Amino acid sequence: MDVMFWVWLGIIAASIVIEVFTLKLIPIWFAIGAIIPFILSIFNINFIIQIIIFAVAALLLIIFVRKYAQRFLFGNITTKKLEDNGDSQEQTENESQNEEDDEIIIPKKSTNVDDQN
């Protein structure tokens, strides 16, 4: 087997491991894009052709499939930035709504003269 067989196998494995830890849906497209060159390396196809196919496949997958995969996997989660003592935090709209629901309202003391006697 050609050395490129092991290179493509390594790219596939590394991309999958990175995707598991990041969940950004970028490395997975490199893993999928490396499958075709991986198969081509078994048949000792030219190295340059393998690289071109990998680059084109990964780029097309990132451009055309990534946003649909994000919607399918993560839904339409929108984030907004909140300022908290100068620090910015990201929260989903659902989290901020839950925090609003958890607020405790403390009634004010009465200032009537009758209550003081």
N, C-alpha and C. Protein backbone atom coordinates (compact mmCIF):
# COMPACT_ATOMS: atom_id res chain seq x y z
N MET A 1 0.84 -1.18 0.00
CA MET A 1 0.00 0.00 0.00
C MET A 1 0.88 1.25 0.00
N ASP A 2 0.34 2.27 -0.58
CA ASP A 2 1.04 3.55 -0.69
C ASP A 2 1.04 4.26 0.66
N VAL A 3 2.00 5.15 0.84
CA VAL A 3 2.08 5.95 2.06
C VAL A 3 0.83 6.82 2.21
N MET A 4 0.29 7.29 1.10
CA MET A 4 -0.88 8.16 1.15
C MET A 4 -2.10 7.47 1.76
N PHE A 5 -2.15 6.16 1.66
CA PHE A 5 -3.21 5.41 2.30
C PHE A 5 -3.24 5.74 3.80
N TRP A 6 -2.07 5.70 4.42
CA TRP A 6 -1.97 5.97 5.85
C TRP A 6 -2.18 7.46 6.17
N VAL A 7 -1.75 8.31 5.25
CA VAL A 7 -1.95 9.75 5.44
C VAL A 7 -3.45 10.07 5.46
N TRP A 8 -4.18 9.54 4.47
CA TRP A 8 -5.63 9.80 4.41
C TRP A 8 -6.35 9.18 5.59
N LEU A 9 -5.93 8.00 5.98
CA LEU A 9 -6.53 7.37 7.16
C LEU A 9 -6.29 8.22 8.40
N GLY A 10 -5.08 8.77 8.52
CA GLY A 10 -4.76 9.65 9.65
C GLY A 10 -5.58 10.93 9.62
N ILE A 11 -5.78 11.51 8.43
CA ILE A 11 -6.60 12.72 8.31
C ILE A 11 -8.04 12.43 8.70
N ILE A 12 -8.56 11.31 8.27
CA ILE A 12 -9.93 10.94 8.62
C ILE A 12 -10.06 10.78 10.14
N ALA A 13 -9.15 10.03 10.75
CA ALA A 13 -9.21 9.78 12.19
C ALA A 13 -9.03 11.08 12.99
N ALA A 14 -8.05 11.89 12.62
CA ALA A 14 -7.79 13.14 13.34
C ALA A 14 -8.96 14.10 13.21
N SER A 15 -9.55 14.18 12.03
CA SER A 15 -10.68 15.08 11.83
C SER A 15 -11.88 14.67 12.68
N ILE A 16 -12.11 13.40 12.77
CA ILE A 16 -13.23 12.91 13.58
C ILE A 16 -12.98 13.20 15.06
N VAL A 17 -11.77 12.98 15.53
CA VAL A 17 -11.45 13.25 16.94
C VAL A 17 -11.60 14.73 17.24
N ILE A 18 -11.10 15.59 16.35
CA ILE A 18 -11.22 17.04 16.56
C ILE A 18 -12.68 17.46 16.56
N GLU A 19 -13.47 16.89 15.67
CA GLU A 19 -14.90 17.23 15.61
C GLU A 19 -15.61 16.84 16.90
N VAL A 20 -15.25 15.72 17.46
CA VAL A 20 -15.89 15.27 18.71
C VAL A 20 -15.66 16.29 19.83
N PHE A 21 -14.48 16.90 19.84
CA PHE A 21 -14.16 17.84 20.91
C PHE A 21 -14.63 19.26 20.63
N THR A 22 -14.84 19.63 19.37
CA THR A 22 -15.21 21.02 19.06
C THR A 22 -16.68 21.20 18.73
N LEU A 23 -17.29 20.25 18.04
CA LEU A 23 -18.69 20.33 17.60
C LEU A 23 -18.98 21.58 16.77
N LYS A 24 -18.02 22.00 15.96
CA LYS A 24 -18.21 23.18 15.10
C LYS A 24 -18.61 22.80 13.67
N LEU A 25 -18.67 21.53 13.39
CA LEU A 25 -19.01 21.02 12.06
C LEU A 25 -18.09 21.55 10.96
N ILE A 26 -16.81 21.63 11.27
CA ILE A 26 -15.81 21.94 10.24
C ILE A 26 -14.94 20.71 9.98
N PRO A 27 -14.30 20.13 11.00
CA PRO A 27 -13.40 19.00 10.74
C PRO A 27 -14.11 17.77 10.13
N ILE A 28 -15.39 17.61 10.42
CA ILE A 28 -16.08 16.43 9.89
C ILE A 28 -16.12 16.44 8.37
N TRP A 29 -16.17 17.63 7.78
CA TRP A 29 -16.20 17.72 6.31
C TRP A 29 -14.85 17.36 5.72
N PHE A 30 -13.76 17.61 6.45
CA PHE A 30 -12.45 17.17 5.99
C PHE A 30 -12.35 15.64 6.06
N ALA A 31 -12.96 15.07 7.09
CA ALA A 31 -12.96 13.60 7.21
C ALA A 31 -13.73 12.98 6.05
N ILE A 32 -14.90 13.55 5.76
CA ILE A 32 -15.70 13.02 4.65
C ILE A 32 -15.00 13.26 3.31
N GLY A 33 -14.40 14.45 3.17
CA GLY A 33 -13.68 14.76 1.94
C GLY A 33 -12.46 13.88 1.73
N ALA A 34 -11.90 13.33 2.79
CA ALA A 34 -10.71 12.47 2.68
C ALA A 34 -11.06 11.03 2.34
N ILE A 35 -12.33 10.68 2.37
CA ILE A 35 -12.71 9.29 2.09
C ILE A 35 -12.42 8.92 0.63
N ILE A 36 -12.77 9.80 -0.31
CA ILE A 36 -12.52 9.49 -1.73
C ILE A 36 -11.02 9.36 -2.02
N PRO A 37 -10.18 10.32 -1.59
CA PRO A 37 -8.74 10.13 -1.81
C PRO A 37 -8.19 8.90 -1.10
N PHE A 38 -8.77 8.56 0.05
CA PHE A 38 -8.37 7.35 0.76
C PHE A 38 -8.59 6.13 -0.13
N ILE A 39 -9.76 6.07 -0.76
CA ILE A 39 -10.07 4.95 -1.67
C ILE A 39 -9.16 4.99 -2.89
N LEU A 40 -8.92 6.19 -3.43
CA LEU A 40 -8.04 6.32 -4.60
C LEU A 40 -6.61 5.90 -4.29
N SER A 41 -6.16 6.13 -3.05
CA SER A 41 -4.80 5.75 -2.69
C SER A 41 -4.61 4.23 -2.69
N ILE A 42 -5.68 3.50 -2.48
CA ILE A 42 -5.60 2.03 -2.53
C ILE A 42 -5.21 1.58 -3.93
N PHE A 43 -5.69 2.32 -4.93
CA PHE A 43 -5.41 1.98 -6.32
C PHE A 43 -4.23 2.75 -6.89
N ASN A 44 -3.43 3.38 -6.01
CA ASN A 44 -2.23 4.12 -6.39
C ASN A 44 -2.49 5.19 -7.44
N ILE A 45 -3.58 5.94 -7.29
CA ILE A 45 -3.87 7.08 -8.16
C ILE A 45 -2.91 8.21 -7.79
N ASN A 46 -2.60 9.04 -8.76
CA ASN A 46 -1.64 10.13 -8.60
C ASN A 46 -1.94 10.98 -7.35
N PHE A 47 -0.88 11.33 -6.65
CA PHE A 47 -0.96 12.12 -5.41
C PHE A 47 -1.64 13.47 -5.65
N ILE A 48 -1.32 14.14 -6.73
CA ILE A 48 -1.89 15.46 -7.02
C ILE A 48 -3.40 15.35 -7.22
N ILE A 49 -3.85 14.33 -7.89
CA ILE A 49 -5.29 14.13 -8.10
C ILE A 49 -5.98 13.90 -6.75
N GLN A 50 -5.35 13.15 -5.87
CA GLN A 50 -5.92 12.90 -4.54
C GLN A 50 -6.07 14.21 -3.77
N ILE A 51 -5.04 15.05 -3.82
CA ILE A 51 -5.08 16.33 -3.10
C ILE A 51 -6.17 17.23 -3.67
N ILE A 52 -6.28 17.31 -4.99
CA ILE A 52 -7.29 18.16 -5.63
C ILE A 52 -8.69 17.69 -5.26
N ILE A 53 -8.92 16.39 -5.32
CA ILE A 53 -10.24 15.85 -4.98
C ILE A 53 -10.56 16.12 -3.50
N PHE A 54 -9.59 15.96 -2.63
CA PHE A 54 -9.79 16.24 -1.21
C PHE A 54 -10.16 17.70 -0.99
N ALA A 55 -9.40 18.60 -1.58
CA ALA A 55 -9.64 20.04 -1.38
C ALA A 55 -11.00 20.45 -1.92
N VAL A 56 -11.34 20.00 -3.12
CA VAL A 56 -12.62 20.37 -3.72
C VAL A 56 -13.78 19.77 -2.91
N ALA A 57 -13.68 18.52 -2.55
CA ALA A 57 -14.76 17.86 -1.80
C ALA A 57 -14.98 18.53 -0.44
N ALA A 58 -13.91 18.79 0.30
CA ALA A 58 -14.04 19.41 1.62
C ALA A 58 -14.60 20.82 1.51
N LEU A 59 -14.12 21.58 0.54
CA LEU A 59 -14.61 22.94 0.36
C LEU A 59 -16.09 22.97 -0.01
N LEU A 60 -16.50 22.11 -0.93
CA LEU A 60 -17.91 22.06 -1.32
C LEU A 60 -18.80 21.62 -0.17
N LEU A 61 -18.34 20.66 0.60
CA LEU A 61 -19.12 20.21 1.76
C LEU A 61 -19.28 21.32 2.79
N ILE A 62 -18.20 22.04 3.05
CA ILE A 62 -18.27 23.14 4.03
C ILE A 62 -19.20 24.23 3.54
N ILE A 63 -19.10 24.59 2.28
CA ILE A 63 -19.91 25.69 1.74
C ILE A 63 -21.39 25.32 1.66
N PHE A 64 -21.69 24.14 1.14
CA PHE A 64 -23.08 23.81 0.82
C PHE A 64 -23.82 22.96 1.85
N VAL A 65 -23.12 22.20 2.65
CA VAL A 65 -23.81 21.26 3.55
C VAL A 65 -23.75 21.69 5.00
N ARG A 66 -22.74 22.41 5.41
CA ARG A 66 -22.54 22.73 6.83
C ARG A 66 -23.73 23.45 7.45
N LYS A 67 -24.25 24.49 6.80
CA LYS A 67 -25.34 25.25 7.42
C LYS A 67 -26.61 24.41 7.58
N TYR A 68 -26.87 23.52 6.64
CA TYR A 68 -28.04 22.64 6.78
C TYR A 68 -27.84 21.61 7.89
N ALA A 69 -26.63 21.13 8.00
CA ALA A 69 -26.32 20.17 9.07
C ALA A 69 -26.43 20.84 10.44
N GLN A 70 -25.98 22.09 10.54
CA GLN A 70 -26.11 22.81 11.82
C GLN A 70 -27.57 22.99 12.20
N ARG A 71 -28.39 23.37 11.24
CA ARG A 71 -29.82 23.53 11.54
C ARG A 71 -30.45 22.21 11.95
N PHE A 72 -30.08 21.15 11.28
CA PHE A 72 -30.64 19.84 11.58
C PHE A 72 -30.21 19.36 12.96
N LEU A 73 -28.93 19.52 13.28
CA LEU A 73 -28.40 18.99 14.54
C LEU A 73 -28.67 19.90 15.74
N PHE A 74 -28.54 21.20 15.54
CA PHE A 74 -28.61 22.13 16.67
C PHE A 74 -29.86 22.99 16.66
N GLY A 75 -30.68 22.93 15.64
CA GLY A 75 -31.86 23.78 15.55
C GLY A 75 -31.47 25.21 15.25
N ASN A 76 -32.41 26.11 15.40
CA ASN A 76 -32.15 27.53 15.15
C ASN A 76 -31.83 28.22 16.47
N ILE A 77 -30.70 27.90 17.04
CA ILE A 77 -30.29 28.50 18.30
C ILE A 77 -29.63 29.83 17.98
N THR A 78 -30.18 30.89 18.54
CA THR A 78 -29.57 32.19 18.36
C THR A 78 -28.95 32.61 19.68
N THR A 79 -27.85 33.30 19.59
CA THR A 79 -27.18 33.74 20.80
C THR A 79 -27.15 35.25 20.84
N LYS A 80 -27.09 35.77 22.04
CA LYS A 80 -26.94 37.20 22.20
C LYS A 80 -25.90 37.45 23.27
N LYS A 81 -25.23 38.57 23.16
CA LYS A 81 -24.18 38.92 24.12
C LYS A 81 -24.79 39.73 25.24
N LEU A 82 -24.42 39.40 26.46
CA LEU A 82 -24.87 40.14 27.62
C LEU A 82 -23.65 40.73 28.31
N GLU A 83 -23.78 41.96 28.76
CA GLU A 83 -22.70 42.59 29.51
C GLU A 83 -22.95 42.33 30.99
N ASP A 84 -21.96 41.79 31.67
CA ASP A 84 -22.07 41.51 33.10
C ASP A 84 -20.79 41.99 33.77
N ASN A 85 -20.84 43.17 34.37
CA ASN A 85 -19.68 43.77 35.03
C ASN A 85 -18.50 43.88 34.07
N GLY A 86 -18.76 44.26 32.84
CA GLY A 86 -17.70 44.44 31.86
C GLY A 86 -17.32 43.17 31.13
N ASP A 87 -17.75 42.03 31.62
CA ASP A 87 -17.45 40.76 30.95
C ASP A 87 -18.60 40.42 30.02
N SER A 88 -18.27 39.96 28.82
CA SER A 88 -19.34 39.57 27.91
C SER A 88 -19.54 38.07 28.01
N GLN A 89 -20.80 37.67 27.96
CA GLN A 89 -21.16 36.27 28.02
C GLN A 89 -22.13 35.98 26.89
N GLU A 90 -22.12 34.76 26.41
CA GLU A 90 -23.11 34.35 25.42
C GLU A 90 -24.14 33.48 26.10
N GLN A 91 -25.40 33.78 25.82
CA GLN A 91 -26.49 32.98 26.35
C GLN A 91 -27.49 32.76 25.24
N THR A 92 -28.14 31.64 25.27
CA THR A 92 -29.22 31.43 24.32
C THR A 92 -30.44 32.17 24.81
N GLU A 93 -31.35 32.42 23.90
CA GLU A 93 -32.57 33.12 24.27
C GLU A 93 -33.36 32.35 25.32
N ASN A 94 -33.35 31.03 25.22
CA ASN A 94 -34.08 30.21 26.20
C ASN A 94 -33.50 30.37 27.60
N GLU A 95 -32.16 30.44 27.72
CA GLU A 95 -31.55 30.59 29.02
C GLU A 95 -31.91 31.93 29.63
N SER A 96 -31.91 33.00 28.81
CA SER A 96 -32.22 34.32 29.37
C SER A 96 -33.69 34.40 29.77
N GLN A 97 -34.58 33.71 29.06
CA GLN A 97 -35.98 33.69 29.45
C GLN A 97 -36.17 32.93 30.76
N ASN A 98 -35.43 31.85 30.94
CA ASN A 98 -35.53 31.09 32.18
C ASN A 98 -35.04 31.91 33.36
N GLU A 99 -34.00 32.72 33.16
CA GLU A 99 -33.51 33.56 34.24
C GLU A 99 -34.55 34.61 34.61
N GLU A 100 -35.25 35.16 33.63
CA GLU A 100 -36.28 36.14 33.90
C GLU A 100 -37.42 35.52 34.71
N ASP A 101 -37.74 34.28 34.43
CA ASP A 101 -38.81 33.59 35.14
C ASP A 101 -38.42 33.31 36.60
N ASP A 102 -37.12 33.20 36.89
CA ASP A 102 -36.65 32.86 38.22
C ASP A 102 -36.48 34.08 39.13
N GLU A 103 -36.76 35.29 38.64
CA GLU A 103 -36.59 36.48 39.45
C GLU A 103 -37.59 36.48 40.61
N ILE A 104 -37.11 36.91 41.76
CA ILE A 104 -37.96 36.98 42.95
C ILE A 104 -38.33 38.44 43.17
N ILE A 105 -39.61 38.69 43.35
CA ILE A 105 -40.09 40.05 43.59
C ILE A 105 -40.33 40.20 45.08
N ILE A 106 -39.63 41.16 45.69
CA ILE A 106 -39.76 41.42 47.13
C ILE A 106 -40.65 42.63 47.31
N PRO A 107 -41.76 42.48 48.05
CA PRO A 107 -42.65 43.63 48.25
C PRO A 107 -42.00 44.69 49.11
N LYS A 108 -42.33 45.95 48.82
CA LYS A 108 -41.79 47.07 49.59
C LYS A 108 -42.55 47.21 50.90
N LYS A 109 -41.88 47.75 51.90
CA LYS A 109 -42.53 47.98 53.19
C LYS A 109 -43.52 49.13 53.07
N SER A 110 -44.56 49.01 53.79
CA SER A 110 -45.59 50.05 53.78
C SER A 110 -45.10 51.25 54.57
N THR A 111 -45.40 52.43 54.09
CA THR A 111 -44.98 53.65 54.78
C THR A 111 -46.16 54.38 55.43
N ASN A 112 -47.26 53.65 55.62
CA ASN A 112 -48.43 54.25 56.27
C ASN A 112 -48.12 54.52 57.74
N VAL A 113 -48.69 55.61 58.26
CA VAL A 113 -48.51 56.00 59.66
C VAL A 113 -49.17 54.98 60.57
N ASP A 114 -50.27 54.40 60.14
CA ASP A 114 -51.00 53.43 60.98
C ASP A 114 -50.17 52.19 61.24
N ASP A 115 -49.33 51.79 60.26
CA ASP A 115 -48.53 50.59 60.40
C ASP A 115 -47.40 50.78 61.40
N GLN A 116 -46.93 52.01 61.60
CA GLN A 116 -45.82 52.26 62.48
C GLN A 116 -46.22 52.27 63.96
N ASN A 117 -47.47 52.52 64.26
CA ASN A 117 -47.94 52.60 65.65
C ASN A 117 -48.18 51.27 66.24
